[in-house]
Amino acid sequence: MTLEQRIHALSAFSPAVVWVVSTTREFLSISAEEFMQKTLHDLLQVVHVVEGSSFTFGRGALGDVHMLRKTGEQLGWKTTVIETTQATLTDMTQVDVSTTLIRWLISHGRMADAARMLGRPYTLRGNVIHGAKRGQELGYPTVNLDVVQLMPGDGVYAGRAVVDSQEYPAAISVGTNPTFDGSGHSVEAFLLDYQGDELYGRMIDLEFHHWIRDQERFSGVDALRDRIGRDVELVRDGAA
C-alpha cells in the first residue's frame, strides 16, 4: 500500500491522530529500550499498544512483544498481542497470513488468494500517464498507470477501476507487450463502459480480482484484437 492508501484505510477507524514516522537512519539506530522510553512513554504517552506476535523493534531488531509487554507494565501501558491469523486459499490449503506470502502470491499472479489473505483485492494506485496508444488503435483504449507498489506477475487480469468514486469493470494487462517486442514493464487497463474525459494526470485505483491468462506473443494485430475482445467478455461475464 502507498502511504496515502494506508492513511485512508486507517481513517475507517476514526483515529484522532495518525502519526507518520520517517524511517531515517537516526531513528532506526535507536535501541529498543530508548524507543520504549523516549518515543512510546515520553513523547506519545501511550496507554495501550497493539502489535502482531512477530513484531520486532529497535537497533538490531532486539526488541520483541515480550519486552514490550514487560516494559509496559513498568511504564504504565497495556500491551495487546495479536496472534497470527490463518486463511484458506482457493485450493483449500490453510496457511498463516504473512507479508512474505502475500507478496509471493501477488508476484505470481495469484490475486484471488492474495485477496483472501488481505481481506480485500490487491489495489494499485497511480497517476494515468501517456502510453504507446496501441490500445486505442486496436479499439480498446487503455489507461497506463505510473505505480511504485509491488507489481503483480505478468499476465492479464479481471479487476475493477475506481475513478472519482465511480467503479468500472476493467481488463488489466501487466507485462512487456510481447507482440510489439516491448521491453519495459507496464500496467494498463481497459475500463468497460467508461465514457468520461481523458484521464491523463488523474489518480485512479486498479483492483485485481483474478488472473485470466499469461502474456502472449500473437501473430499479428488482428489475432491480438480478437484475444483482447475475449478477455473483455470474460471480465464482463465475471462482473455481471
C-alpha atoms as a PDB file:
ATOM      1  CA  MET A   1       0.000   0.000   0.000  1.00  0.00           C
ATOM      2  CA  THR A   2       1.094   3.545  -0.628  1.00  0.00           C
ATOM      3  CA  LEU A   3       1.199   5.901   2.347  1.00  0.00           C
ATOM      4  CA  GLU A   4      -1.975   7.552   1.046  1.00  0.00           C
ATOM      5  CA  GLN A   5      -3.742   4.167   0.929  1.00  0.00           C
ATOM      6  CA  ARG A   6      -2.611   3.318   4.467  1.00  0.00           C
ATOM      7  CA  ILE A   7      -3.904   6.599   5.865  1.00  0.00           C
ATOM      8  CA  HIS A   8      -7.209   6.092   4.023  1.00  0.00           C
ATOM      9  CA  ALA A   9      -7.529   2.579   5.477  1.00  0.00           C
ATOM     10  CA  LEU A  10      -6.782   3.846   8.988  1.00  0.00           C
ATOM     11  CA  SER A  11      -9.383   6.598   8.608  1.00  0.00           C
ATOM     12  CA  ALA A  12     -12.120   3.937   8.646  1.00  0.00           C
ATOM     13  CA  PHE A  13     -11.422   3.580  12.388  1.00  0.00           C
ATOM     14  CA  SER A  14     -11.839   7.342  13.007  1.00  0.00           C
ATOM     15  CA  PRO A  15      -8.466   7.960  14.681  1.00  0.00           C
ATOM     16  CA  ALA A  16      -7.881  11.297  16.380  1.00  0.00           C
ATOM     17  CA  VAL A  17      -4.305  11.397  15.082  1.00  0.00           C
ATOM     18  CA  VAL A  18      -2.241   9.422  12.573  1.00  0.00           C
ATOM     19  CA  TRP A  19       1.465   9.902  13.246  1.00  0.00           C
ATOM     20  CA  VAL A  20       3.725   9.040  10.307  1.00  0.00           C
ATOM     21  CA  VAL A  21       7.275   8.261  11.399  1.00  0.00           C
ATOM     22  CA  SER A  22      10.067   8.864   8.904  1.00  0.00           C
ATOM     23  CA  THR A  23      12.352   5.825   8.963  1.00  0.00           C
ATOM     24  CA  THR A  24      15.565   7.802   8.973  1.00  0.00           C
ATOM     25  CA  ARG A  25      18.925   6.207   9.688  1.00  0.00           C
ATOM     26  CA  GLU A  26      18.975   8.044  13.033  1.00  0.00           C
ATOM     27  CA  PHE A  27      15.544   6.731  14.036  1.00  0.00           C
ATOM     28  CA  LEU A  28      16.370   3.157  13.021  1.00  0.00           C
ATOM     29  CA  SER A  29      19.588   3.237  15.061  1.00  0.00           C
ATOM     30  CA  ILE A  30      17.965   3.800  18.460  1.00  0.00           C
ATOM     31  CA  SER A  31      17.862   0.887  20.888  1.00  0.00           C
ATOM     32  CA  ALA A  32      14.684  -0.955  21.832  1.00  0.00           C
ATOM     33  CA  GLU A  33      14.902   0.471  25.357  1.00  0.00           C
ATOM     34  CA  GLU A  34      15.271   4.025  24.065  1.00  0.00           C
ATOM     35  CA  PHE A  35      12.311   3.579  21.700  1.00  0.00           C
ATOM     36  CA  MET A  36      10.055   2.442  24.536  1.00  0.00           C
ATOM     37  CA  GLN A  37      11.189   5.107  26.993  1.00  0.00           C
ATOM     38  CA  LYS A  38      11.609   8.186  24.793  1.00  0.00           C
ATOM     39  CA  THR A  39       9.148   7.541  21.952  1.00  0.00           C
ATOM     40  CA  LEU A  40       6.320   5.497  23.439  1.00  0.00           C
ATOM     41  CA  HIS A  41       6.385   6.789  27.019  1.00  0.00           C
ATOM     42  CA  ASP A  42       7.844  10.315  26.969  1.00  0.00           C
ATOM     43  CA  LEU A  43       6.703  11.551  23.541  1.00  0.00           C
ATOM     44  CA  LEU A  44       3.464   9.697  22.831  1.00  0.00           C
ATOM     45  CA  GLN A  45       2.443   8.907  26.426  1.00  0.00           C
ATOM     46  CA  VAL A  46       0.821   5.714  25.218  1.00  0.00           C
ATOM     47  CA  VAL A  47      -1.712   3.847  27.336  1.00  0.00           C
ATOM     48  CA  HIS A  48      -2.269   0.839  25.059  1.00  0.00           C
ATOM     49  CA  VAL A  49      -0.037  -0.759  22.417  1.00  0.00           C
ATOM     50  CA  VAL A  50      -1.311  -3.332  19.897  1.00  0.00           C
ATOM     51  CA  GLU A  51       1.144  -5.395  17.842  1.00  0.00           C
ATOM     52  CA  GLY A  52       1.433  -8.663  15.970  1.00  0.00           C
ATOM     53  CA  SER A  53       3.203 -11.588  17.613  1.00  0.00           C
ATOM     54  CA  SER A  54       6.228 -11.375  15.293  1.00  0.00           C
ATOM     55  CA  PHE A  55       6.804  -7.622  15.843  1.00  0.00           C
ATOM     56  CA  THR A  56      10.405  -6.582  16.478  1.00  0.00           C
ATOM     57  CA  PHE A  57      11.855  -3.132  17.030  1.00  0.00           C
ATOM     58  CA  GLY A  58      14.969  -1.222  17.979  1.00  0.00           C
ATOM     59  CA  ARG A  59      18.528  -1.436  16.713  1.00  0.00           C
ATOM     60  CA  GLY A  60      19.298  -4.961  15.563  1.00  0.00           C
ATOM     61  CA  ALA A  61      15.593  -5.890  15.988  1.00  0.00           C
ATOM     62  CA  LEU A  62      16.414  -6.824  19.595  1.00  0.00           C
ATOM     63  CA  GLY A  63      13.037  -5.708  20.945  1.00  0.00           C
ATOM     64  CA  ASP A  64      10.028  -8.042  20.764  1.00  0.00           C
ATOM     65  CA  VAL A  65       6.480  -8.234  22.107  1.00  0.00           C
ATOM     66  CA  HIS A  66       7.639  -9.894  25.337  1.00  0.00           C
ATOM     67  CA  MET A  67       9.909  -6.914  26.064  1.00  0.00           C
ATOM     68  CA  LEU A  68       7.126  -4.552  25.030  1.00  0.00           C
ATOM     69  CA  ARG A  69       4.683  -6.156  27.471  1.00  0.00           C
ATOM     70  CA  LYS A  70       7.167  -6.335  30.363  1.00  0.00           C
ATOM     71  CA  THR A  71       8.332  -2.735  29.962  1.00  0.00           C
ATOM     72  CA  GLY A  72       4.758  -1.556  29.518  1.00  0.00           C
ATOM     73  CA  GLU A  73       3.864  -2.969  32.914  1.00  0.00           C
ATOM     74  CA  GLN A  74       6.653  -0.817  34.396  1.00  0.00           C
ATOM     75  CA  LEU A  75       5.963   2.376  32.415  1.00  0.00           C
ATOM     76  CA  GLY A  76       2.171   2.270  32.551  1.00  0.00           C
ATOM     77  CA  TRP A  77       0.783   0.941  29.272  1.00  0.00           C
ATOM     78  CA  LYS A  78      -1.152  -2.177  28.385  1.00  0.00           C
ATOM     79  CA  THR A  79       0.068  -4.415  25.540  1.00  0.00           C
ATOM     80  CA  THR A  80      -2.232  -6.500  23.339  1.00  0.00           C
ATOM     81  CA  VAL A  81      -0.564  -9.059  21.066  1.00  0.00           C
ATOM     82  CA  ILE A  82      -2.495 -10.229  18.000  1.00  0.00           C
ATOM     83  CA  GLU A  83      -1.673 -13.829  17.135  1.00  0.00           C
ATOM     84  CA  THR A  84      -1.085 -14.911  13.546  1.00  0.00           C
ATOM     85  CA  THR A  85      -4.280 -15.408  11.558  1.00  0.00           C
ATOM     86  CA  GLN A  86      -4.876 -18.259   9.127  1.00  0.00           C
ATOM     87  CA  ALA A  87      -6.540 -18.083   5.725  1.00  0.00           C
ATOM     88  CA  THR A  88      -7.941 -20.713   3.371  1.00  0.00           C
ATOM     89  CA  LEU A  89      -6.629 -20.481  -0.196  1.00  0.00           C
ATOM     90  CA  THR A  90      -8.653 -21.402  -3.278  1.00  0.00           C
ATOM     91  CA  ASP A  91      -7.187 -24.931  -3.249  1.00  0.00           C
ATOM     92  CA  MET A  92      -8.418 -25.246   0.380  1.00  0.00           C
ATOM     93  CA  THR A  93      -4.884 -25.068   1.799  1.00  0.00           C
ATOM     94  CA  GLN A  94      -4.701 -23.484   5.260  1.00  0.00           C
ATOM     95  CA  VAL A  95      -1.815 -21.003   5.580  1.00  0.00           C
ATOM     96  CA  ASP A  96      -0.557 -18.435   8.069  1.00  0.00           C
ATOM     97  CA  VAL A  97      -1.186 -14.893   6.864  1.00  0.00           C
ATOM     98  CA  SER A  98       2.137 -13.115   6.374  1.00  0.00           C
ATOM     99  CA  THR A  99       3.530 -10.242   4.359  1.00  0.00           C
ATOM    100  CA  THR A 100       6.086 -12.566   2.753  1.00  0.00           C
ATOM    101  CA  LEU A 101       3.433 -14.970   1.470  1.00  0.00           C
ATOM    102  CA  ILE A 102       1.132 -12.173   0.312  1.00  0.00           C
ATOM    103  CA  ARG A 103       3.950 -10.630  -1.710  1.00  0.00           C
ATOM    104  CA  TRP A 104       4.749 -14.038  -3.231  1.00  0.00           C
ATOM    105  CA  LEU A 105       1.126 -14.592  -4.242  1.00  0.00           C
ATOM    106  CA  ILE A 106       0.891 -11.132  -5.852  1.00  0.00           C
ATOM    107  CA  SER A 107       4.166 -11.519  -7.746  1.00  0.00           C
ATOM    108  CA  HIS A 108       2.957 -14.902  -9.092  1.00  0.00           C
ATOM    109  CA  GLY A 109      -0.416 -13.555 -10.227  1.00  0.00           C
ATOM    110  CA  ARG A 110      -2.494 -15.365  -7.613  1.00  0.00           C
ATOM    111  CA  MET A 111      -4.715 -12.384  -6.937  1.00  0.00           C
ATOM    112  CA  ALA A 112      -7.749 -14.274  -5.607  1.00  0.00           C
ATOM    113  CA  ASP A 113      -5.569 -15.932  -2.966  1.00  0.00           C
ATOM    114  CA  ALA A 114      -3.850 -12.642  -2.148  1.00  0.00           C
ATOM    115  CA  ALA A 115      -7.291 -11.095  -1.601  1.00  0.00           C
ATOM    116  CA  ARG A 116      -8.226 -13.907   0.789  1.00  0.00           C
ATOM    117  CA  MET A 117      -5.188 -13.070   2.901  1.00  0.00           C
ATOM    118  CA  LEU A 118      -5.523  -9.290   2.646  1.00  0.00           C
ATOM    119  CA  GLY A 119      -9.262  -9.257   3.238  1.00  0.00           C
ATOM    120  CA  ARG A 120      -9.644  -7.077   0.131  1.00  0.00           C
ATOM    121  CA  PRO A 121      -8.496  -7.070  -3.516  1.00  0.00           C
ATOM    122  CA  TYR A 122      -4.896  -6.035  -4.096  1.00  0.00           C
ATOM    123  CA  THR A 123      -5.074  -2.462  -5.408  1.00  0.00           C
ATOM    124  CA  LEU A 124      -2.583  -0.399  -7.369  1.00  0.00           C
ATOM    125  CA  ARG A 125      -2.920   3.362  -7.088  1.00  0.00           C
ATOM    126  CA  GLY A 126      -1.188   5.615  -9.565  1.00  0.00           C
ATOM    127  CA  ASN A 127      -1.323   8.520 -11.967  1.00  0.00           C
ATOM    128  CA  VAL A 128      -2.516   7.918 -15.514  1.00  0.00           C
ATOM    129  CA  ILE A 129       0.356   8.535 -17.921  1.00  0.00           C
ATOM    130  CA  HIS A 130       0.729   8.528 -21.698  1.00  0.00           C
ATOM    131  CA  GLY A 131       1.442   5.169 -23.284  1.00  0.00           C
ATOM    132  CA  ALA A 132       2.054   3.959 -26.837  1.00  0.00           C
ATOM    133  CA  LYS A 133      -1.689   4.348 -27.644  1.00  0.00           C
ATOM    134  CA  ARG A 134      -1.790   0.878 -29.219  1.00  0.00           C
ATOM    135  CA  GLY A 135      -4.966   0.067 -27.291  1.00  0.00           C
ATOM    136  CA  GLN A 136      -6.753   2.942 -28.948  1.00  0.00           C
ATOM    137  CA  GLU A 137      -5.609   1.721 -32.364  1.00  0.00           C
ATOM    138  CA  LEU A 138      -6.948  -1.746 -31.501  1.00  0.00           C
ATOM    139  CA  GLY A 139     -10.331  -0.371 -30.470  1.00  0.00           C
ATOM    140  CA  TYR A 140      -9.699  -0.854 -26.750  1.00  0.00           C
ATOM    141  CA  PRO A 141      -8.228   2.382 -25.390  1.00  0.00           C
ATOM    142  CA  THR A 142      -6.356   1.755 -22.164  1.00  0.00           C
ATOM    143  CA  VAL A 143      -5.122   3.806 -19.250  1.00  0.00           C
ATOM    144  CA  ASN A 144      -1.444   3.370 -18.351  1.00  0.00           C
ATOM    145  CA  LEU A 145      -0.528   3.721 -14.695  1.00  0.00           C
ATOM    146  CA  ASP A 146       2.651   5.041 -13.102  1.00  0.00           C
ATOM    147  CA  VAL A 147       2.961   2.919  -9.944  1.00  0.00           C
ATOM    148  CA  VAL A 148       5.512   2.464  -7.166  1.00  0.00           C
ATOM    149  CA  GLN A 149       3.919  -0.570  -5.482  1.00  0.00           C
ATOM    150  CA  LEU A 150       4.677  -4.269  -5.881  1.00  0.00           C
ATOM    151  CA  MET A 151       3.892  -5.241  -9.474  1.00  0.00           C
ATOM    152  CA  PRO A 152       1.708  -8.330  -9.995  1.00  0.00           C
ATOM    153  CA  GLY A 153       3.141 -11.121 -12.121  1.00  0.00           C
ATOM    154  CA  ASP A 154       2.929 -10.713 -15.895  1.00  0.00           C
ATOM    155  CA  GLY A 155      -0.483 -11.587 -17.255  1.00  0.00           C
ATOM    156  CA  VAL A 156      -4.000 -10.405 -17.984  1.00  0.00           C
ATOM    157  CA  TYR A 157      -6.385  -9.939 -15.078  1.00  0.00           C
ATOM    158  CA  ALA A 158     -10.019  -9.213 -14.391  1.00  0.00           C
ATOM    159  CA  GLY A 159     -10.477  -6.363 -12.000  1.00  0.00           C
ATOM    160  CA  ARG A 160     -12.082  -3.051 -11.315  1.00  0.00           C
ATOM    161  CA  ALA A 161     -11.056   0.563 -11.765  1.00  0.00           C
ATOM    162  CA  VAL A 162     -12.171   3.290  -9.391  1.00  0.00           C
ATOM    163  CA  VAL A 163     -12.291   6.804 -10.851  1.00  0.00           C
ATOM    164  CA  ASP A 164     -13.613   9.596  -8.630  1.00  0.00           C
ATOM    165  CA  SER A 165     -15.532   7.030  -6.549  1.00  0.00           C
ATOM    166  CA  GLN A 166     -17.113   5.562  -9.700  1.00  0.00           C
ATOM    167  CA  GLU A 167     -16.410   1.870 -10.370  1.00  0.00           C
ATOM    168  CA  TYR A 168     -15.841   0.245 -13.752  1.00  0.00           C
ATOM    169  CA  PRO A 169     -15.031  -3.392 -14.622  1.00  0.00           C
ATOM    170  CA  ALA A 170     -11.511  -3.490 -16.029  1.00  0.00           C
ATOM    171  CA  ALA A 171      -9.380  -5.819 -18.147  1.00  0.00           C
ATOM    172  CA  ILE A 172      -5.840  -5.266 -16.840  1.00  0.00           C
ATOM    173  CA  SER A 173      -2.587  -6.177 -18.565  1.00  0.00           C
ATOM    174  CA  VAL A 174       0.746  -6.360 -16.761  1.00  0.00           C
ATOM    175  CA  GLY A 175       3.888  -7.058 -18.759  1.00  0.00           C
ATOM    176  CA  THR A 176       6.072  -6.036 -21.677  1.00  0.00           C
ATOM    177  CA  ASN A 177       3.661  -6.147 -24.668  1.00  0.00           C
ATOM    178  CA  PRO A 178       5.485  -9.092 -26.302  1.00  0.00           C
ATOM    179  CA  THR A 179       3.559  -8.811 -29.595  1.00  0.00           C
ATOM    180  CA  PHE A 180       5.247  -5.432 -30.107  1.00  0.00           C
ATOM    181  CA  ASP A 181       8.639  -6.545 -28.722  1.00  0.00           C
ATOM    182  CA  GLY A 182       8.259  -4.358 -25.667  1.00  0.00           C
ATOM    183  CA  SER A 183      10.964  -4.238 -23.014  1.00  0.00           C
ATOM    184  CA  GLY A 184       9.832  -2.136 -20.056  1.00  0.00           C
ATOM    185  CA  HIS A 185       7.081  -3.356 -17.747  1.00  0.00           C
ATOM    186  CA  SER A 186       3.767  -1.535 -17.844  1.00  0.00           C
ATOM    187  CA  VAL A 187       0.344  -1.691 -16.229  1.00  0.00           C
ATOM    188  CA  GLU A 188      -2.556  -0.765 -18.460  1.00  0.00           C
ATOM    189  CA  ALA A 189      -6.285  -1.288 -18.216  1.00  0.00           C
ATOM    190  CA  PHE A 190      -9.328  -1.092 -20.461  1.00  0.00           C
ATOM    191  CA  LEU A 191     -12.242   0.333 -18.482  1.00  0.00           C
ATOM    192  CA  LEU A 192     -15.502  -1.221 -19.632  1.00  0.00           C
ATOM    193  CA  ASP A 193     -18.323   1.264 -20.187  1.00  0.00           C
ATOM    194  CA  TYR A 194     -16.235   4.320 -19.270  1.00  0.00           C
ATOM    195  CA  GLN A 195     -17.477   7.329 -21.262  1.00  0.00           C
ATOM    196  CA  GLY A 196     -15.809  10.224 -19.461  1.00  0.00           C
ATOM    197  CA  ASP A 197     -12.985  12.591 -20.299  1.00  0.00           C
ATOM    198  CA  GLU A 198      -9.390  11.555 -20.847  1.00  0.00           C
ATOM    199  CA  LEU A 199      -7.787  10.557 -17.567  1.00  0.00           C
ATOM    200  CA  TYR A 200      -4.198  11.718 -18.109  1.00  0.00           C
ATOM    201  CA  GLY A 201      -2.734  13.074 -14.892  1.00  0.00           C
ATOM    202  CA  ARG A 202      -5.589  11.714 -12.763  1.00  0.00           C
ATOM    203  CA  MET A 203      -5.101   9.349  -9.832  1.00  0.00           C
ATOM    204  CA  ILE A 204      -7.060   6.095 -10.115  1.00  0.00           C
ATOM    205  CA  ASP A 205      -7.203   2.744  -8.331  1.00  0.00           C
ATOM    206  CA  LEU A 206      -6.953  -0.621 -10.062  1.00  0.00           C
ATOM    207  CA  GLU A 207      -8.246  -3.608  -8.118  1.00  0.00           C
ATOM    208  CA  PHE A 208      -7.008  -7.055  -9.200  1.00  0.00           C
ATOM    209  CA  HIS A 209      -9.703  -9.709  -8.781  1.00  0.00           C
ATOM    210  CA  HIS A 210      -8.433 -12.788 -10.613  1.00  0.00           C
ATOM    211  CA  TRP A 211      -5.983 -13.989 -13.251  1.00  0.00           C
ATOM    212  CA  ILE A 212      -7.256 -14.634 -16.801  1.00  0.00           C
ATOM    213  CA  ARG A 213      -4.210 -15.702 -18.812  1.00  0.00           C
ATOM    214  CA  ASP A 214      -0.476 -15.361 -19.375  1.00  0.00           C
ATOM    215  CA  GLN A 215       1.029 -12.666 -21.562  1.00  0.00           C
ATOM    216  CA  GLU A 216       1.300 -13.975 -25.127  1.00  0.00           C
ATOM    217  CA  ARG A 217       3.064 -13.063 -28.349  1.00  0.00           C
ATOM    218  CA  PHE A 218       0.434 -13.036 -31.101  1.00  0.00           C
ATOM    219  CA  SER A 219       0.997 -13.491 -34.831  1.00  0.00           C
ATOM    220  CA  GLY A 220      -0.351 -10.025 -35.591  1.00  0.00           C
ATOM    221  CA  VAL A 221      -2.640  -7.181 -34.651  1.00  0.00           C
ATOM    222  CA  ASP A 222      -5.835  -8.992 -35.702  1.00  0.00           C
ATOM    223  CA  ALA A 223      -5.097 -12.007 -33.502  1.00  0.00           C
ATOM    224  CA  LEU A 224      -4.295  -9.712 -30.574  1.00  0.00           C
ATOM    225  CA  ARG A 225      -7.507  -7.728 -31.103  1.00  0.00           C
ATOM    226  CA  ASP A 226      -9.572 -10.936 -31.101  1.00  0.00           C
ATOM    227  CA  ARG A 227      -7.928 -12.134 -27.896  1.00  0.00           C
ATOM    228  CA  ILE A 228      -8.488  -8.786 -26.161  1.00  0.00           C
ATOM    229  CA  GLY A 229     -12.150  -8.966 -27.176  1.00  0.00           C
ATOM    230  CA  ARG A 230     -12.451 -12.356 -25.473  1.00  0.00           C
ATOM    231  CA  ASP A 231     -10.645 -11.039 -22.392  1.00  0.00           C
ATOM    232  CA  VAL A 232     -13.101  -8.157 -22.168  1.00  0.00           C
ATOM    233  CA  GLU A 233     -16.068 -10.524 -22.405  1.00  0.00           C
ATOM    234  CA  LEU A 234     -14.624 -12.672 -19.626  1.00  0.00           C
ATOM    235  CA  VAL A 235     -14.329  -9.573 -17.456  1.00  0.00           C
ATOM    236  CA  ARG A 236     -17.886  -8.532 -18.276  1.00  0.00           C
ATOM    237  CA  ASP A 237     -19.232 -12.006 -17.526  1.00  0.00           C
ATOM    238  CA  GLY A 238     -17.412 -12.028 -14.220  1.00  0.00           C
ATOM    239  CA  ALA A 239     -18.723  -8.604 -13.298  1.00  0.00           C
ATOM    240  CA  ALA A 240     -22.342  -9.422 -14.160  1.00  0.00           C
END
